[in-house]
């Protein structure tokens, strides 16, 4: 009984890693039997992993046929990054409202971590670093509910994050953008930090292969009736 969940977890991690590495590209058809054979397990845990990945938006399951890798479309990418922009700008503004010392402390910690990561960054490590960087920024807002929602959002855009750090040039660009945001926070330049954060999310979008720039609508009633 106890081995079944572990087998399902193994299948889930195995498939997800191949999705993030690009080995399973958009439109790729996965077979329960093939994955089960590769891992030396039965089809049942593979089926459970397929369902879990479908719930997370990675796969579309076709009963008795297998599962197809769902492509990341421009609407999905723009939607997720717009949601990230909304939440992360709120977090940044909340951090700024806590005062110069809070900005300096968070900025210093983030910048130190950026400098350490840049010494030996890889596509995989840059992707994981990006997750930790943005989650730490969200936690600095002091709203644990928003932080939990953000982590759920991040899990939904894992393939976007993977594409944005695929290859050494993409990973280096991603890390440089993080360092710029951290430096602006450390130096207490909030307007610049906001601009760099927005530029960073636009960079993620472009490195994923899509044009445009995530943005938020104007504040209602400020410039108009």
Protein backbone atom coordinates (compact mmCIF):
# COMPACT_ATOMS: atom_id res chain seq x y z
CA UNK A 1 0.00 0.00 0.00
CA UNK A 2 2.71 2.50 1.00
CA UNK A 3 4.73 1.90 -2.20
CA UNK A 4 1.94 3.12 -4.48
CA UNK A 5 2.08 6.83 -3.56
CA UNK A 6 5.88 6.72 -3.79
CA UNK A 7 5.70 5.22 -7.28
CA UNK A 8 3.22 7.91 -8.32
CA UNK A 9 5.57 10.58 -6.97
CA UNK A 10 8.48 9.06 -8.88
CA UNK A 11 6.46 9.09 -12.08
CA UNK A 12 5.36 12.67 -11.47
CA UNK A 13 8.91 13.95 -10.90
CA UNK A 14 10.27 11.95 -13.85
CA UNK A 15 7.71 13.35 -16.28
CA UNK A 16 7.82 16.89 -14.93
CA UNK A 17 11.62 17.04 -15.17
CA UNK A 18 11.48 15.98 -18.81
CA UNK A 19 8.81 18.59 -19.48
CA UNK A 20 10.93 21.32 -17.92
CA UNK A 21 14.10 20.18 -19.68
CA UNK A 22 12.30 20.29 -23.02
CA UNK A 23 12.70 16.57 -23.74
CA UNK A 24 8.92 16.29 -23.84
CA UNK A 25 8.06 19.16 -26.18
CA UNK A 26 4.66 20.73 -26.83
CA UNK A 27 2.36 18.24 -28.56
CA UNK A 28 4.42 15.22 -27.52
CA UNK A 29 2.28 12.12 -26.88
CA UNK A 30 3.12 10.21 -23.72
CA UNK A 31 2.18 6.58 -23.22
CA UNK A 32 1.40 5.13 -19.81
CA UNK A 33 3.08 1.90 -20.83
CA UNK A 34 6.30 3.54 -22.01
CA UNK A 35 6.71 5.62 -18.85
CA UNK A 36 5.86 2.61 -16.67
CA UNK A 37 8.47 0.49 -18.45
CA UNK A 38 11.12 3.22 -18.18
CA UNK A 39 10.58 3.44 -14.43
CA UNK A 40 9.93 -0.24 -13.76
CA UNK A 41 6.51 0.40 -12.22
CA UNK A 42 2.91 -0.43 -13.07
CA UNK A 43 0.64 1.83 -15.11
CA UNK A 44 -1.53 2.85 -12.17
CA UNK A 45 0.96 5.29 -10.58
CA UNK A 46 1.76 6.67 -14.04
CA UNK A 47 -1.94 7.30 -14.58
CA UNK A 48 -2.05 9.15 -11.25
CA UNK A 49 0.96 11.24 -12.26
CA UNK A 50 -0.70 12.07 -15.59
CA UNK A 51 -3.80 13.27 -13.75
CA UNK A 52 -1.77 15.40 -11.38
CA UNK A 53 0.13 16.99 -14.25
CA UNK A 54 -3.13 17.62 -16.08
CA UNK A 55 -4.45 19.43 -13.01
CA UNK A 56 -1.33 21.61 -13.10
CA UNK A 57 -1.80 22.42 -16.78
CA UNK A 58 1.13 20.42 -18.17
CA UNK A 59 -0.77 17.59 -19.86
CA UNK A 60 -4.09 16.79 -21.46
CA UNK A 61 -5.09 13.22 -20.66
CA UNK A 62 -6.90 11.02 -23.17
CA UNK A 63 -8.20 7.87 -21.44
CA UNK A 64 -6.74 4.62 -22.83
CA UNK A 65 -4.55 6.61 -25.24
CA UNK A 66 -2.11 8.51 -23.04
CA UNK A 67 -1.47 12.19 -22.54
CA UNK A 68 -0.36 15.08 -24.74
CA UNK A 69 1.95 17.88 -23.62
CA UNK A 70 -0.09 21.08 -23.60
CA UNK A 71 1.66 23.92 -25.44
CA UNK A 72 2.30 27.18 -23.63
CA UNK A 73 0.31 29.69 -25.66
CA UNK A 74 0.77 33.47 -25.77
CA UNK A 75 -2.48 34.09 -23.89
CA UNK A 76 -1.40 31.78 -21.07
CA UNK A 77 2.05 33.38 -20.88
CA UNK A 78 0.69 36.93 -20.89
CA UNK A 79 -1.99 36.04 -18.33
CA UNK A 80 0.38 34.41 -15.87
CA UNK A 81 2.99 37.16 -16.14
CA UNK A 82 0.37 39.87 -15.75
CA UNK A 83 -0.80 38.14 -12.56
CA UNK A 84 2.80 37.95 -11.37
CA UNK A 85 3.30 41.64 -12.10
CA UNK A 86 0.23 42.57 -10.08
CA UNK A 87 1.30 40.51 -7.07
CA UNK A 88 4.99 41.34 -7.17
CA UNK A 89 4.48 45.09 -7.51
CA UNK A 90 2.19 44.91 -4.48
CA UNK A 91 4.92 43.05 -2.59
CA UNK A 92 7.55 45.57 -3.62
CA UNK A 93 5.35 48.52 -2.63
CA UNK A 94 4.60 46.84 0.71
CA UNK A 95 8.32 46.39 1.32
CA UNK A 96 8.99 50.04 0.49
CA UNK A 97 6.24 51.08 2.91
CA UNK A 98 8.13 49.31 5.69
CA UNK A 99 10.90 51.86 5.34
CA UNK A 100 14.51 52.25 4.15
CA UNK A 101 16.00 49.73 6.57
CA UNK A 102 13.68 46.94 5.41
CA UNK A 103 14.48 47.74 1.77
CA UNK A 104 18.20 47.73 2.47
CA UNK A 105 18.12 44.46 4.42
CA UNK A 106 16.05 42.54 1.88
CA UNK A 107 17.99 44.04 -1.02
CA UNK A 108 21.32 43.16 0.58
CA UNK A 109 20.29 39.55 1.22
CA UNK A 110 18.93 39.10 -2.30
CA UNK A 111 21.98 40.73 -3.89
CA UNK A 112 24.36 38.49 -1.93
CA UNK A 113 22.49 35.41 -3.11
CA UNK A 114 22.54 36.70 -6.71
CA UNK A 115 26.30 37.18 -6.61
CA UNK A 116 26.83 33.67 -5.25
CA UNK A 117 24.53 32.09 -7.85
CA UNK A 118 26.17 33.99 -10.72
CA UNK A 119 29.49 32.29 -9.97
CA UNK A 120 28.21 28.90 -11.10
CA UNK A 121 24.74 29.32 -12.57
CA UNK A 122 23.15 26.75 -14.87
CA UNK A 123 19.75 26.70 -16.53
CA UNK A 124 18.33 24.46 -13.80
CA UNK A 125 19.91 26.39 -10.92
CA UNK A 126 18.83 29.74 -12.40
CA UNK A 127 15.26 28.46 -12.62
CA UNK A 128 15.28 27.35 -8.99
CA UNK A 129 17.01 30.55 -7.91
CA UNK A 130 14.32 32.60 -9.66
CA UNK A 131 11.66 30.79 -7.69
CA UNK A 132 13.39 31.47 -4.38
CA UNK A 133 14.12 35.11 -5.30
CA UNK A 134 10.53 35.98 -6.15
CA UNK A 135 9.02 34.01 -3.27
CA UNK A 136 11.32 35.83 -0.83
CA UNK A 137 10.22 39.13 -2.33
CA UNK A 138 6.58 38.12 -1.89
CA UNK A 139 7.16 37.09 1.73
CA UNK A 140 8.70 40.49 2.40
CA UNK A 141 5.23 41.94 1.77
CA UNK A 142 4.18 40.47 5.11
CA UNK A 143 1.00 38.87 3.76
CA UNK A 144 1.22 35.06 4.14
CA UNK A 145 -2.04 34.46 2.26
CA UNK A 146 -0.72 36.31 -0.77
CA UNK A 147 2.55 34.42 -0.45
CA UNK A 148 0.74 31.07 -0.62
CA UNK A 149 -1.29 32.18 -3.63
CA UNK A 150 1.90 33.29 -5.35
CA UNK A 151 3.55 29.90 -4.85
CA UNK A 152 0.53 28.28 -6.50
CA UNK A 153 0.84 30.73 -9.39
CA UNK A 154 4.55 29.98 -9.71
CA UNK A 155 3.88 26.26 -10.00
CA UNK A 156 1.48 27.00 -12.85
CA UNK A 157 4.18 28.80 -14.83
CA UNK A 158 7.05 26.35 -14.34
CA UNK A 159 7.47 25.76 -18.07
CA UNK A 160 7.57 29.51 -18.69
CA UNK A 161 10.32 29.83 -16.09
CA UNK A 162 12.15 26.87 -17.64
CA UNK A 163 12.02 28.36 -21.14
CA UNK A 164 13.18 31.73 -19.83
CA UNK A 165 16.36 30.19 -18.38
CA UNK A 166 17.05 27.58 -21.09
CA UNK A 167 20.66 27.84 -22.22
CA UNK A 168 23.55 29.83 -20.68
CA UNK A 169 22.64 33.16 -22.30
CA UNK A 170 19.05 33.05 -21.07
CA UNK A 171 20.16 32.00 -17.58
CA UNK A 172 22.74 34.80 -17.43
CA UNK A 173 20.20 37.41 -18.54
CA UNK A 174 17.71 36.19 -15.95
CA UNK A 175 20.31 36.38 -13.19
CA UNK A 176 21.44 39.87 -14.24
CA UNK A 177 17.86 41.10 -14.05
CA UNK A 178 17.47 39.69 -10.55
CA UNK A 179 20.70 41.38 -9.47
CA UNK A 180 19.48 44.71 -10.83
CA UNK A 181 16.24 44.51 -8.83
CA UNK A 182 18.15 43.57 -5.67
CA UNK A 183 20.63 46.43 -6.16
CA UNK A 184 17.84 48.97 -6.59
CA UNK A 185 16.22 47.75 -3.37
CA UNK A 186 19.52 47.82 -1.49
CA UNK A 187 20.22 51.37 -2.70
CA UNK A 188 16.68 52.46 -1.79
CA UNK A 189 15.58 53.37 -5.29
CA UNK A 190 11.99 52.06 -5.27
CA UNK A 191 10.88 53.61 -8.58
CA UNK A 192 13.83 51.99 -10.33
CA UNK A 193 13.12 48.66 -8.62
CA UNK A 194 9.54 48.79 -9.93
CA UNK A 195 10.72 49.53 -13.45
CA UNK A 196 13.35 46.79 -13.35
CA UNK A 197 10.82 44.28 -12.05
CA UNK A 198 8.48 45.10 -14.93
CA UNK A 199 11.38 44.88 -17.39
CA UNK A 200 12.35 41.52 -15.92
CA UNK A 201 8.90 40.03 -16.47
CA UNK A 202 8.96 41.37 -20.03
CA UNK A 203 12.33 39.65 -20.44
CA UNK A 204 10.86 36.37 -19.20
CA UNK A 205 8.09 36.72 -21.77
CA UNK A 206 10.53 37.40 -24.61
CA UNK A 207 12.90 34.58 -23.64
CA UNK A 208 9.89 32.26 -23.67
CA UNK A 209 9.40 33.23 -27.31
CA UNK A 210 6.52 35.70 -27.11
CA UNK A 211 6.33 39.39 -27.91
CA UNK A 212 4.74 42.14 -25.89
CA UNK A 213 5.06 43.30 -22.33
CA UNK A 214 2.97 42.46 -19.25
CA UNK A 215 1.18 45.53 -17.94
CA UNK A 216 -1.61 46.58 -15.61
CA UNK A 217 -4.60 48.78 -16.47
CA UNK A 218 -4.60 52.40 -15.26
CA UNK A 219 -6.03 53.02 -11.82
CA UNK A 220 -9.74 53.70 -12.18
CA UNK A 221 -10.82 57.29 -11.62
CA UNK A 222 -7.32 58.77 -11.33
CA UNK A 223 -6.96 60.37 -14.76
CA UNK A 224 -10.57 60.34 -15.83
CA UNK A 225 -14.10 60.83 -14.60
